[in-house]
């Protein structure tokens, strides 16, 4: 969650209805640029409202299904496999306006 990290992958909490893009393939976590998908552990914490996060290939339609649902104050984790588009994934924080949630994306593997 440190926005000044060497790869610039950290950042402040996700605000409601915002999308954040993560460049993964060829840049971070030792994932090659040829990777088609990643295995991840998704964690949310310090949510100020109930909501969900949706992880999806950047540049594609936002899915209707969520990867993790939460209530205010909860810390929860879930595993997922997410396709990459141009080496990137996007994350949507779907929750009430004016709220936020901290989001942690741990990449545990990749698929070529």
PDB file of N, CA and C in Angstrom:
ATOM      1  N   UNK A   1       0.814  -1.203   0.000  1.00  0.00           N
ATOM      2  CA  UNK A   1       0.000   0.000   0.000  1.00  0.00           C
ATOM      3  C   UNK A   1       0.853   1.262   0.000  1.00  0.00           C
ATOM      4  N   UNK A   2       2.079   1.123  -0.440  1.00  0.00           N
ATOM      5  CA  UNK A   2       2.992   2.259  -0.463  1.00  0.00           C
ATOM      6  C   UNK A   2       3.094   2.795  -1.889  1.00  0.00           C
ATOM      7  N   UNK A   3       2.516   3.962  -2.185  1.00  0.00           N
ATOM      8  CA  UNK A   3       2.521   4.468  -3.551  1.00  0.00           C
ATOM      9  C   UNK A   3       3.899   4.830  -4.077  1.00  0.00           C
ATOM     10  N   UNK A   4       4.895   4.917  -3.217  1.00  0.00           N
ATOM     11  CA  UNK A   4       6.229   5.299  -3.675  1.00  0.00           C
ATOM     12  C   UNK A   4       7.146   4.097  -3.850  1.00  0.00           C
ATOM     13  N   UNK A   5       6.587   2.873  -3.865  1.00  0.00           N
ATOM     14  CA  UNK A   5       7.389   1.671  -4.044  1.00  0.00           C
ATOM     15  C   UNK A   5       8.132   1.700  -5.369  1.00  0.00           C
ATOM     16  N   UNK A   6       9.128   0.821  -5.513  1.00  0.00           N
ATOM     17  CA  UNK A   6       9.986   0.837  -6.696  1.00  0.00           C
ATOM     18  C   UNK A   6       9.221   0.628  -8.000  1.00  0.00           C
ATOM     19  N   UNK A   7       8.115  -0.112  -7.967  1.00  0.00           N
ATOM     20  CA  UNK A   7       7.326  -0.330  -9.177  1.00  0.00           C
ATOM     21  C   UNK A   7       6.086   0.559  -9.229  1.00  0.00           C
ATOM     22  N   UNK A   8       5.850   1.322  -8.190  1.00  0.00           N
ATOM     23  CA  UNK A   8       4.678   2.192  -8.181  1.00  0.00           C
ATOM     24  C   UNK A   8       3.376   1.420  -8.126  1.00  0.00           C
ATOM     25  N   UNK A   9       3.407   0.195  -7.589  1.00  0.00           N
ATOM     26  CA  UNK A   9       2.206  -0.626  -7.555  1.00  0.00           C
ATOM     27  C   UNK A   9       1.316  -0.343  -6.357  1.00  0.00           C
ATOM     28  N   UNK A  10       1.844   0.302  -5.344  1.00  0.00           N
ATOM     29  CA  UNK A  10       1.041   0.602  -4.175  1.00  0.00           C
ATOM     30  C   UNK A  10       0.198   1.831  -4.416  1.00  0.00           C
ATOM     31  N   UNK A  11      -0.614   2.150  -3.459  1.00  0.00           N
ATOM     32  CA  UNK A  11      -1.429   3.343  -3.603  1.00  0.00           C
ATOM     33  C   UNK A  11      -2.368   3.489  -2.435  1.00  0.00           C
ATOM     34  N   UNK A  12      -3.088   4.559  -2.425  1.00  0.00           N
ATOM     35  CA  UNK A  12      -4.056   4.757  -1.347  1.00  0.00           C
ATOM     36  C   UNK A  12      -5.221   3.787  -1.496  1.00  0.00           C
ATOM     37  N   UNK A  13      -6.108   3.791  -0.542  1.00  0.00           N
ATOM     38  CA  UNK A  13      -7.295   2.939  -0.593  1.00  0.00           C
ATOM     39  C   UNK A  13      -8.079   3.212  -1.870  1.00  0.00           C
ATOM     40  N   UNK A  14      -8.778   2.181  -2.353  1.00  0.00           N
ATOM     41  CA  UNK A  14      -9.662   2.360  -3.499  1.00  0.00           C
ATOM     42  C   UNK A  14     -10.904   3.117  -3.047  1.00  0.00           C
ATOM     43  N   UNK A  15     -11.257   4.152  -3.755  1.00  0.00           N
ATOM     44  CA  UNK A  15     -12.479   4.879  -3.423  1.00  0.00           C
ATOM     45  C   UNK A  15     -13.643   4.268  -4.187  1.00  0.00           C
ATOM     46  N   UNK A  16     -14.844   4.463  -3.673  1.00  0.00           N
ATOM     47  CA  UNK A  16     -16.043   3.874  -4.250  1.00  0.00           C
ATOM     48  C   UNK A  16     -16.158   4.141  -5.738  1.00  0.00           C
ATOM     49  N   UNK A  17     -16.519   3.110  -6.468  1.00  0.00           N
ATOM     50  CA  UNK A  17     -16.753   3.153  -7.915  1.00  0.00           C
ATOM     51  C   UNK A  17     -15.516   3.516  -8.726  1.00  0.00           C
ATOM     52  N   UNK A  18     -14.337   3.378  -8.121  1.00  0.00           N
ATOM     53  CA  UNK A  18     -13.113   3.671  -8.860  1.00  0.00           C
ATOM     54  C   UNK A  18     -12.524   2.384  -9.425  1.00  0.00           C
ATOM     55  N   UNK A  19     -11.757   2.535 -10.479  1.00  0.00           N
ATOM     56  CA  UNK A  19     -11.041   1.418 -11.093  1.00  0.00           C
ATOM     57  C   UNK A  19      -9.556   1.742 -11.016  1.00  0.00           C
ATOM     58  N   UNK A  20      -8.769   0.775 -10.580  1.00  0.00           N
ATOM     59  CA  UNK A  20      -7.314   0.932 -10.564  1.00  0.00           C
ATOM     60  C   UNK A  20      -6.723  -0.149 -11.456  1.00  0.00           C
ATOM     61  N   UNK A  21      -5.760   0.222 -12.275  1.00  0.00           N
ATOM     62  CA  UNK A  21      -5.114  -0.704 -13.198  1.00  0.00           C
ATOM     63  C   UNK A  21      -3.748  -1.093 -12.643  1.00  0.00           C
ATOM     64  N   UNK A  22      -3.455  -2.395 -12.699  1.00  0.00           N
ATOM     65  CA  UNK A  22      -2.167  -2.914 -12.262  1.00  0.00           C
ATOM     66  C   UNK A  22      -1.462  -3.525 -13.468  1.00  0.00           C
ATOM     67  N   UNK A  23      -0.250  -3.057 -13.748  1.00  0.00           N
ATOM     68  CA  UNK A  23       0.562  -3.630 -14.818  1.00  0.00           C
ATOM     69  C   UNK A  23       1.348  -4.775 -14.191  1.00  0.00           C
ATOM     70  N   UNK A  24       1.069  -5.987 -14.638  1.00  0.00           N
ATOM     71  CA  UNK A  24       1.661  -7.171 -14.022  1.00  0.00           C
ATOM     72  C   UNK A  24       2.661  -7.848 -14.954  1.00  0.00           C
ATOM     73  N   UNK A  25       2.224  -8.249 -16.139  1.00  0.00           N
ATOM     74  CA  UNK A  25       3.059  -9.012 -17.055  1.00  0.00           C
ATOM     75  C   UNK A  25       4.281  -8.241 -17.517  1.00  0.00           C
ATOM     76  N   UNK A  26       5.450  -8.855 -17.348  1.00  0.00           N
ATOM     77  CA  UNK A  26       6.695  -8.255 -17.791  1.00  0.00           C
ATOM     78  C   UNK A  26       7.239  -7.174 -16.881  1.00  0.00           C
ATOM     79  N   UNK A  27       6.527  -6.851 -15.809  1.00  0.00           N
ATOM     80  CA  UNK A  27       6.949  -5.745 -14.946  1.00  0.00           C
ATOM     81  C   UNK A  27       7.096  -6.167 -13.489  1.00  0.00           C
ATOM     82  N   UNK A  28       6.121  -6.897 -12.981  1.00  0.00           N
ATOM     83  CA  UNK A  28       6.073  -7.154 -11.538  1.00  0.00           C
ATOM     84  C   UNK A  28       6.091  -8.639 -11.213  1.00  0.00           C
ATOM     85  N   UNK A  29       6.513  -8.944 -10.044  1.00  0.00           N
ATOM     86  CA  UNK A  29       6.379 -10.279  -9.447  1.00  0.00           C
ATOM     87  C   UNK A  29       7.060 -11.373 -10.254  1.00  0.00           C
ATOM     88  N   UNK A  30       7.966 -11.036 -11.149  1.00  0.00           N
ATOM     89  CA  UNK A  30       8.619 -12.037 -11.970  1.00  0.00           C
ATOM     90  C   UNK A  30       7.703 -12.658 -13.009  1.00  0.00           C
ATOM     91  N   UNK A  31       6.596 -12.011 -13.311  1.00  0.00           N
ATOM     92  CA  UNK A  31       5.641 -12.521 -14.282  1.00  0.00           C
ATOM     93  C   UNK A  31       6.096 -12.097 -15.681  1.00  0.00           C
ATOM     94  N   UNK A  32       6.300 -13.060 -16.599  1.00  0.00           N
ATOM     95  CA  UNK A  32       6.764 -12.689 -17.937  1.00  0.00           C
ATOM     96  C   UNK A  32       5.678 -11.968 -18.737  1.00  0.00           C
ATOM     97  N   UNK A  33       6.096 -11.198 -19.709  1.00  0.00           N
ATOM     98  CA  UNK A  33       5.161 -10.481 -20.563  1.00  0.00           C
ATOM     99  C   UNK A  33       4.293 -11.406 -21.395  1.00  0.00           C
ATOM    100  N   UNK A  34       4.675 -12.678 -21.486  1.00  0.00           N
ATOM    101  CA  UNK A  34       3.905 -13.659 -22.260  1.00  0.00           C
ATOM    102  C   UNK A  34       2.791 -14.325 -21.447  1.00  0.00           C
ATOM    103  N   UNK A  35       2.684 -14.020 -20.156  1.00  0.00           N
ATOM    104  CA  UNK A  35       1.663 -14.636 -19.304  1.00  0.00           C
ATOM    105  C   UNK A  35       0.266 -14.262 -19.796  1.00  0.00           C
ATOM    106  N   UNK A  36      -0.631 -15.228 -19.771  1.00  0.00           N
ATOM    107  CA  UNK A  36      -2.018 -15.024 -20.204  1.00  0.00           C
ATOM    108  C   UNK A  36      -2.970 -14.800 -19.027  1.00  0.00           C
ATOM    109  N   UNK A  37      -2.585 -15.291 -17.839  1.00  0.00           N
ATOM    110  CA  UNK A  37      -3.434 -15.167 -16.648  1.00  0.00           C
ATOM    111  C   UNK A  37      -2.561 -15.267 -15.405  1.00  0.00           C
ATOM    112  N   UNK A  38      -3.096 -14.824 -14.291  1.00  0.00           N
ATOM    113  CA  UNK A  38      -2.385 -14.911 -13.022  1.00  0.00           C
ATOM    114  C   UNK A  38      -3.271 -15.558 -11.966  1.00  0.00           C
ATOM    115  N   UNK A  39      -2.630 -16.258 -11.048  1.00  0.00           N
ATOM    116  CA  UNK A  39      -3.302 -16.764  -9.857  1.00  0.00           C
ATOM    117  C   UNK A  39      -3.006 -15.758  -8.754  1.00  0.00           C
ATOM    118  N   UNK A  40      -4.056 -15.342  -8.041  1.00  0.00           N
ATOM    119  CA  UNK A  40      -3.888 -14.291  -7.036  1.00  0.00           C
ATOM    120  C   UNK A  40      -4.614 -14.624  -5.743  1.00  0.00           C
ATOM    121  N   UNK A  41      -4.143 -14.025  -4.678  1.00  0.00           N
ATOM    122  CA  UNK A  41      -4.883 -13.976  -3.425  1.00  0.00           C
ATOM    123  C   UNK A  41      -5.319 -12.528  -3.269  1.00  0.00           C
ATOM    124  N   UNK A  42      -6.606 -12.313  -3.129  1.00  0.00           N
ATOM    125  CA  UNK A  42      -7.205 -10.985  -3.031  1.00  0.00           C
ATOM    126  C   UNK A  42      -7.574 -10.741  -1.574  1.00  0.00           C
ATOM    127  N   UNK A  43      -7.134  -9.629  -1.015  1.00  0.00           N
ATOM    128  CA  UNK A  43      -7.497  -9.282   0.358  1.00  0.00           C
ATOM    129  C   UNK A  43      -8.083  -7.884   0.379  1.00  0.00           C
ATOM    130  N   UNK A  44      -9.162  -7.716   1.142  1.00  0.00           N
ATOM    131  CA  UNK A  44      -9.730  -6.386   1.397  1.00  0.00           C
ATOM    132  C   UNK A  44      -9.706  -6.161   2.901  1.00  0.00           C
ATOM    133  N   UNK A  45      -9.488  -4.909   3.291  1.00  0.00           N
ATOM    134  CA  UNK A  45      -9.457  -4.569   4.700  1.00  0.00           C
ATOM    135  C   UNK A  45      -9.838  -3.094   4.866  1.00  0.00           C
ATOM    136  N   UNK A  46     -10.267  -2.738   6.038  1.00  0.00           N
ATOM    137  CA  UNK A  46     -10.602  -1.361   6.408  1.00  0.00           C
ATOM    138  C   UNK A  46     -11.669  -0.741   5.500  1.00  0.00           C
ATOM    139  N   UNK A  47     -12.619  -1.543   5.047  1.00  0.00           N
ATOM    140  CA  UNK A  47     -13.718  -1.003   4.240  1.00  0.00           C
ATOM    141  C   UNK A  47     -14.584  -0.093   5.107  1.00  0.00           C
ATOM    142  N   UNK A  48     -14.998   1.029   4.531  1.00  0.00           N
ATOM    143  CA  UNK A  48     -15.851   1.959   5.279  1.00  0.00           C
ATOM    144  C   UNK A  48     -17.324   1.792   4.921  1.00  0.00           C
ATOM    145  N   UNK A  49     -17.623   0.859   3.991  1.00  0.00           N
ATOM    146  CA  UNK A  49     -19.006   0.541   3.614  1.00  0.00           C
ATOM    147  C   UNK A  49     -19.022  -0.872   3.047  1.00  0.00           C
ATOM    148  N   UNK A  50     -20.192  -1.471   3.014  1.00  0.00           N
ATOM    149  CA  UNK A  50     -20.328  -2.789   2.381  1.00  0.00           C
ATOM    150  C   UNK A  50     -20.091  -2.650   0.886  1.00  0.00           C
ATOM    151  N   UNK A  51     -19.548  -3.688   0.280  1.00  0.00           N
ATOM    152  CA  UNK A  51     -19.317  -3.634  -1.154  1.00  0.00           C
ATOM    153  C   UNK A  51     -18.662  -4.890  -1.669  1.00  0.00           C
ATOM    154  N   UNK A  52     -18.078  -4.779  -2.845  1.00  0.00           N
ATOM    155  CA  UNK A  52     -17.360  -5.890  -3.460  1.00  0.00           C
ATOM    156  C   UNK A  52     -16.284  -5.334  -4.380  1.00  0.00           C
ATOM    157  N   UNK A  53     -15.298  -6.178  -4.661  1.00  0.00           N
ATOM    158  CA  UNK A  53     -14.303  -5.832  -5.661  1.00  0.00           C
ATOM    159  C   UNK A  53     -14.385  -6.844  -6.787  1.00  0.00           C
ATOM    160  N   UNK A  54     -14.133  -6.340  -7.980  1.00  0.00           N
ATOM    161  CA  UNK A  54     -14.149  -7.169  -9.182  1.00  0.00           C
ATOM    162  C   UNK A  54     -12.815  -6.987  -9.894  1.00  0.00           C
ATOM    163  N   UNK A  55     -12.136  -8.095 -10.138  1.00  0.00           N
ATOM    164  CA  UNK A  55     -10.849  -8.063 -10.821  1.00  0.00           C
ATOM    165  C   UNK A  55     -11.072  -8.638 -12.213  1.00  0.00           C
ATOM    166  N   UNK A  56     -10.545  -7.967 -13.218  1.00  0.00           N
ATOM    167  CA  UNK A  56     -10.810  -8.391 -14.592  1.00  0.00           C
ATOM    168  C   UNK A  56      -9.680  -7.914 -15.504  1.00  0.00           C
ATOM    169  N   UNK A  57      -9.581  -8.500 -16.693  1.00  0.00           N
ATOM    170  CA  UNK A  57      -8.544  -8.053 -17.621  1.00  0.00           C
ATOM    171  C   UNK A  57      -8.777  -6.594 -18.007  1.00  0.00           C
ATOM    172  N   UNK A  58      -7.766  -5.765 -17.841  1.00  0.00           N
ATOM    173  CA  UNK A  58      -7.876  -4.348 -18.180  1.00  0.00           C
ATOM    174  C   UNK A  58      -8.330  -4.205 -19.628  1.00  0.00           C
ATOM    175  N   UNK A  59      -9.172  -3.205 -19.882  1.00  0.00           N
ATOM    176  CA  UNK A  59      -9.621  -2.917 -21.236  1.00  0.00           C
ATOM    177  C   UNK A  59     -10.784  -3.764 -21.700  1.00  0.00           C
ATOM    178  N   UNK A  60     -11.322  -4.603 -20.824  1.00  0.00           N
ATOM    179  CA  UNK A  60     -12.478  -5.423 -21.169  1.00  0.00           C
ATOM    180  C   UNK A  60     -13.679  -4.971 -20.341  1.00  0.00           C
ATOM    181  N   UNK A  61     -14.825  -5.548 -20.611  1.00  0.00           N
ATOM    182  CA  UNK A  61     -16.048  -5.192 -19.898  1.00  0.00           C
ATOM    183  C   UNK A  61     -15.953  -5.587 -18.428  1.00  0.00           C
ATOM    184  N   UNK A  62     -16.402  -4.723 -17.546  1.00  0.00           N
ATOM    185  CA  UNK A  62     -16.423  -5.027 -16.110  1.00  0.00           C
ATOM    186  C   UNK A  62     -17.401  -6.173 -15.877  1.00  0.00           C
ATOM    187  N   UNK A  63     -16.954  -7.234 -15.198  1.00  0.00           N
ATOM    188  CA  UNK A  63     -17.842  -8.378 -14.974  1.00  0.00           C
ATOM    189  C   UNK A  63     -18.945  -8.061 -13.959  1.00  0.00           C
ATOM    190  N   UNK A  64     -20.029  -8.817 -14.045  1.00  0.00           N
ATOM    191  CA  UNK A  64     -21.113  -8.661 -13.077  1.00  0.00           C
ATOM    192  C   UNK A  64     -20.810  -9.401 -11.779  1.00  0.00           C
ATOM    193  N   UNK A  65     -20.010 -10.452 -11.861  1.00  0.00           N
ATOM    194  CA  UNK A  65     -19.661 -11.249 -10.684  1.00  0.00           C
ATOM    195  C   UNK A  65     -18.464 -10.637  -9.960  1.00  0.00           C
ATOM    196  N   UNK A  66     -18.504 -10.694  -8.640  1.00  0.00           N
ATOM    197  CA  UNK A  66     -17.411 -10.136  -7.837  1.00  0.00           C
ATOM    198  C   UNK A  66     -16.425 -11.231  -7.443  1.00  0.00           C
ATOM    199  N   UNK A  67     -15.228 -10.807  -7.042  1.00  0.00           N
ATOM    200  CA  UNK A  67     -14.226 -11.735  -6.535  1.00  0.00           C
ATOM    201  C   UNK A  67     -14.288 -11.857  -5.027  1.00  0.00           C
ATOM    202  N   UNK A  68     -14.733 -10.788  -4.378  1.00  0.00           N
ATOM    203  CA  UNK A  68     -14.864 -10.821  -2.921  1.00  0.00           C
ATOM    204  C   UNK A  68     -15.884  -9.770  -2.487  1.00  0.00           C
ATOM    205  N   UNK A  69     -16.734 -10.146  -1.528  1.00  0.00           N
ATOM    206  CA  UNK A  69     -17.757  -9.260  -0.969  1.00  0.00           C
ATOM    207  C   UNK A  69     -17.426  -8.995   0.496  1.00  0.00           C
ATOM    208  N   UNK A  70     -17.748  -7.824   0.989  1.00  0.00           N
ATOM    209  CA  UNK A  70     -17.362  -7.476   2.357  1.00  0.00           C
ATOM    210  C   UNK A  70     -18.349  -6.508   2.995  1.00  0.00           C
ATOM    211  N   UNK A  71     -18.229  -6.407   4.322  1.00  0.00           N
ATOM    212  CA  UNK A  71     -18.987  -5.441   5.125  1.00  0.00           C
ATOM    213  C   UNK A  71     -17.987  -4.463   5.735  1.00  0.00           C
ATOM    214  N   UNK A  72     -18.463  -3.339   6.251  1.00  0.00           N
ATOM    215  CA  UNK A  72     -17.542  -2.369   6.857  1.00  0.00           C
ATOM    216  C   UNK A  72     -16.680  -3.010   7.946  1.00  0.00           C
ATOM    217  N   UNK A  73     -15.407  -2.673   7.919  1.00  0.00           N
ATOM    218  CA  UNK A  73     -14.485  -3.123   8.954  1.00  0.00           C
ATOM    219  C   UNK A  73     -13.944  -4.533   8.797  1.00  0.00           C
ATOM    220  N   UNK A  74     -14.465  -5.316   7.875  1.00  0.00           N
ATOM    221  CA  UNK A  74     -13.995  -6.685   7.707  1.00  0.00           C
ATOM    222  C   UNK A  74     -12.643  -6.742   7.001  1.00  0.00           C
ATOM    223  N   UNK A  75     -11.891  -7.791   7.322  1.00  0.00           N
ATOM    224  CA  UNK A  75     -10.712  -8.156   6.555  1.00  0.00           C
ATOM    225  C   UNK A  75     -10.978  -9.556   6.029  1.00  0.00           C
ATOM    226  N   UNK A  76     -11.019  -9.699   4.708  1.00  0.00           N
ATOM    227  CA  UNK A  76     -11.335 -10.972   4.068  1.00  0.00           C
ATOM    228  C   UNK A  76     -10.361 -11.229   2.929  1.00  0.00           C
ATOM    229  N   UNK A  77     -10.168 -12.514   2.610  1.00  0.00           N
ATOM    230  CA  UNK A  77      -9.307 -12.887   1.496  1.00  0.00           C
ATOM    231  C   UNK A  77      -9.984 -13.967   0.663  1.00  0.00           C
ATOM    232  N   UNK A  78      -9.592 -14.045  -0.594  1.00  0.00           N
ATOM    233  CA  UNK A  78     -10.131 -15.044  -1.510  1.00  0.00           C
ATOM    234  C   UNK A  78      -9.105 -15.273  -2.622  1.00  0.00           C
ATOM    235  N   UNK A  79      -9.118 -16.469  -3.182  1.00  0.00           N
ATOM    236  CA  UNK A  79      -8.240 -16.782  -4.313  1.00  0.00           C
ATOM    237  C   UNK A  79      -8.987 -16.581  -5.616  1.00  0.00           C
ATOM    238  N   UNK A  80      -8.248 -16.287  -6.679  1.00  0.00           N
ATOM    239  CA  UNK A  80      -8.859 -16.117  -8.001  1.00  0.00           C
ATOM    240  C   UNK A  80      -7.811 -16.375  -9.069  1.00  0.00           C
ATOM    241  N   UNK A  81      -8.293 -16.710 -10.253  1.00  0.00           N
ATOM    242  CA  UNK A  81      -7.459 -16.762 -11.446  1.00  0.00           C
ATOM    243  C   UNK A  81      -8.028 -15.714 -12.384  1.00  0.00           C
ATOM    244  N   UNK A  82      -7.180 -14.789 -12.822  1.00  0.00           N
ATOM    245  CA  UNK A  82      -7.624 -13.655 -13.617  1.00  0.00           C
ATOM    246  C   UNK A  82      -6.824 -13.582 -14.904  1.00  0.00           C
ATOM    247  N   UNK A  83      -7.525 -13.467 -16.030  1.00  0.00           N
ATOM    248  CA  UNK A  83      -6.850 -13.287 -17.313  1.00  0.00           C
ATOM    249  C   UNK A  83      -6.193 -11.909 -17.358  1.00  0.00           C
ATOM    250  N   UNK A  84      -5.111 -11.820 -18.110  1.00  0.00           N
ATOM    251  CA  UNK A  84      -4.436 -10.548 -18.334  1.00  0.00           C
ATOM    252  C   UNK A  84      -4.791 -10.041 -19.728  1.00  0.00           C
ATOM    253  N   UNK A  85      -4.864  -8.749 -19.887  1.00  0.00           N
ATOM    254  CA  UNK A  85      -5.001  -8.139 -21.207  1.00  0.00           C
ATOM    255  C   UNK A  85      -3.862  -7.138 -21.336  1.00  0.00           C
ATOM    256  N   UNK A  86      -2.964  -7.390 -22.273  1.00  0.00           N
ATOM    257  CA  UNK A  86      -1.756  -6.579 -22.430  1.00  0.00           C
ATOM    258  C   UNK A  86      -0.960  -6.532 -21.130  1.00  0.00           C
ATOM    259  N   UNK A  87      -0.976  -7.662 -20.400  1.00  0.00           N
ATOM    260  CA  UNK A  87      -0.220  -7.771 -19.157  1.00  0.00           C
ATOM    261  C   UNK A  87      -0.826  -7.043 -17.976  1.00  0.00           C
ATOM    262  N   UNK A  88      -2.081  -6.622 -18.086  1.00  0.00           N
ATOM    263  CA  UNK A  88      -2.678  -5.797 -17.044  1.00  0.00           C
ATOM    264  C   UNK A  88      -4.012  -6.356 -16.536  1.00  0.00           C
ATOM    265  N   UNK A  89      -4.312  -6.047 -15.280  1.00  0.00           N
ATOM    266  CA  UNK A  89      -5.621  -6.316 -14.693  1.00  0.00           C
ATOM    267  C   UNK A  89      -6.158  -5.011 -14.121  1.00  0.00           C
ATOM    268  N   UNK A  90      -7.469  -4.941 -14.011  1.00  0.00           N
ATOM    269  CA  UNK A  90      -8.123  -3.782 -13.408  1.00  0.00           C
ATOM    270  C   UNK A  90      -8.940  -4.253 -12.225  1.00  0.00           C
ATOM    271  N   UNK A  91      -9.133  -3.370 -11.262  1.00  0.00           N
ATOM    272  CA  UNK A  91      -9.916  -3.673 -10.064  1.00  0.00           C
ATOM    273  C   UNK A  91     -10.945  -2.573  -9.865  1.00  0.00           C
ATOM    274  N   UNK A  92     -12.196  -2.979  -9.705  1.00  0.00           N
ATOM    275  CA  UNK A  92     -13.282  -2.042  -9.422  1.00  0.00           C
ATOM    276  C   UNK A  92     -13.697  -2.194  -7.974  1.00  0.00           C
ATOM    277  N   UNK A  93     -13.808  -1.086  -7.246  1.00  0.00           N
ATOM    278  CA  UNK A  93     -14.366  -1.076  -5.894  1.00  0.00           C
ATOM    279  C   UNK A  93     -15.823  -0.647  -6.013  1.00  0.00           C
ATOM    280  N   UNK A  94     -16.741  -1.597  -5.892  1.00  0.00           N
ATOM    281  CA  UNK A  94     -18.169  -1.323  -6.043  1.00  0.00           C
ATOM    282  C   UNK A  94     -18.798  -1.201  -4.662  1.00  0.00           C
ATOM    283  N   UNK A  95     -18.951   0.033  -4.203  1.00  0.00           N
ATOM    284  CA  UNK A  95     -19.547   0.289  -2.892  1.00  0.00           C
ATOM    285  C   UNK A  95     -20.108   1.700  -2.869  1.00  0.00           C
ATOM    286  N   UNK A  96     -20.746   2.054  -1.782  1.00  0.00           N
ATOM    287  CA  UNK A  96     -21.444   3.342  -1.660  1.00  0.00           C
ATOM    288  C   UNK A  96     -20.496   4.522  -1.846  1.00  0.00           C
ATOM    289  N   UNK A  97     -21.004   5.561  -2.505  1.00  0.00           N
ATOM    290  CA  UNK A  97     -20.228   6.771  -2.733  1.00  0.00           C
ATOM    291  C   UNK A  97     -19.658   7.352  -1.461  1.00  0.00           C
ATOM    292  N   UNK A  98     -18.460   7.895  -1.547  1.00  0.00           N
ATOM    293  CA  UNK A  98     -17.813   8.517  -0.396  1.00  0.00           C
ATOM    294  C   UNK A  98     -17.104   7.528   0.516  1.00  0.00           C
ATOM    295  N   UNK A  99     -17.130   6.229   0.195  1.00  0.00           N
ATOM    296  CA  UNK A  99     -16.479   5.226   1.029  1.00  0.00           C
ATOM    297  C   UNK A  99     -15.201   4.731   0.354  1.00  0.00           C
ATOM    298  N   UNK A 100     -14.468   3.877   1.049  1.00  0.00           N
ATOM    299  CA  UNK A 100     -13.219   3.353   0.489  1.00  0.00           C
ATOM    300  C   UNK A 100     -12.921   1.981   1.079  1.00  0.00           C
ATOM    301  N   UNK A 101     -11.961   1.294   0.460  1.00  0.00           N
ATOM    302  CA  UNK A 101     -11.508  -0.009   0.937  1.00  0.00           C
ATOM    303  C   UNK A 101     -10.038  -0.165   0.545  1.00  0.00           C
ATOM    304  N   UNK A 102      -9.255  -0.759   1.428  1.00  0.00           N
ATOM    305  CA  UNK A 102      -7.875  -1.100   1.103  1.00  0.00           C
ATOM    306  C   UNK A 102      -7.894  -2.450   0.411  1.00  0.00           C
ATOM    307  N   UNK A 103      -7.140  -2.564  -0.677  1.00  0.00           N
ATOM    308  CA  UNK A 103      -7.142  -3.749  -1.518  1.00  0.00           C
ATOM    309  C   UNK A 103      -5.711  -4.240  -1.688  1.00  0.00           C
ATOM    310  N   UNK A 104      -5.512  -5.540  -1.453  1.00  0.00           N
ATOM    311  CA  UNK A 104      -4.178  -6.128  -1.571  1.00  0.00           C
ATOM    312  C   UNK A 104      -4.258  -7.275  -2.570  1.00  0.00           C
ATOM    313  N   UNK A 105      -3.387  -7.257  -3.569  1.00  0.00           N
ATOM    314  CA  UNK A 105      -3.361  -8.265  -4.622  1.00  0.00           C
ATOM    315  C   UNK A 105      -2.016  -8.975  -4.556  1.00  0.00           C
ATOM    316  N   UNK A 106      -2.022 -10.224  -4.085  1.00  0.00           N
ATOM    317  CA  UNK A 106      -0.797 -11.032  -4.013  1.00  0.00           C
ATOM    318  C   UNK A 106      -0.812 -12.011  -5.182  1.00  0.00           C
ATOM    319  N   UNK A 107       0.140 -11.867  -6.083  1.00  0.00           N
ATOM    320  CA  UNK A 107       0.250 -12.787  -7.210  1.00  0.00           C
ATOM    321  C   UNK A 107       0.985 -14.028  -6.743  1.00  0.00           C
ATOM    322  N   UNK A 108       0.363 -15.201  -6.941  1.00  0.00           N
ATOM    323  CA  UNK A 108       0.959 -16.461  -6.476  1.00  0.00           C
ATOM    324  C   UNK A 108       1.440 -17.344  -7.621  1.00  0.00           C
ATOM    325  N   UNK A 109       1.089 -16.981  -8.858  1.00  0.00           N
ATOM    326  CA  UNK A 109       1.540 -17.772 -10.004  1.00  0.00           C
ATOM    327  C   UNK A 109       0.992 -17.185 -11.291  1.00  0.00           C
ATOM    328  N   UNK A 110       1.372 -17.816 -12.394  1.00  0.00           N
ATOM    329  CA  UNK A 110       0.898 -17.326 -13.700  1.00  0.00           C
ATOM    330  C   UNK A 110       0.744 -18.499 -14.659  1.00  0.00           C
ATOM    331  N   UNK A 111       0.018 -18.240 -15.751  1.00  0.00           N
ATOM    332  CA  UNK A 111      -0.240 -19.216 -16.794  1.00  0.00           C
ATOM    333  C   UNK A 111       0.176 -18.612 -18.128  1.00  0.00           C
ATOM    334  N   UNK A 112       0.829 -19.442 -18.980  1.00  0.00           N
ATOM    335  CA  UNK A 112       1.225 -18.969 -20.301  1.00  0.00           C
ATOM    336  C   UNK A 112       0.409 -19.669 -21.360  1.00  0.00           C
TER     337      UNK A 112
END
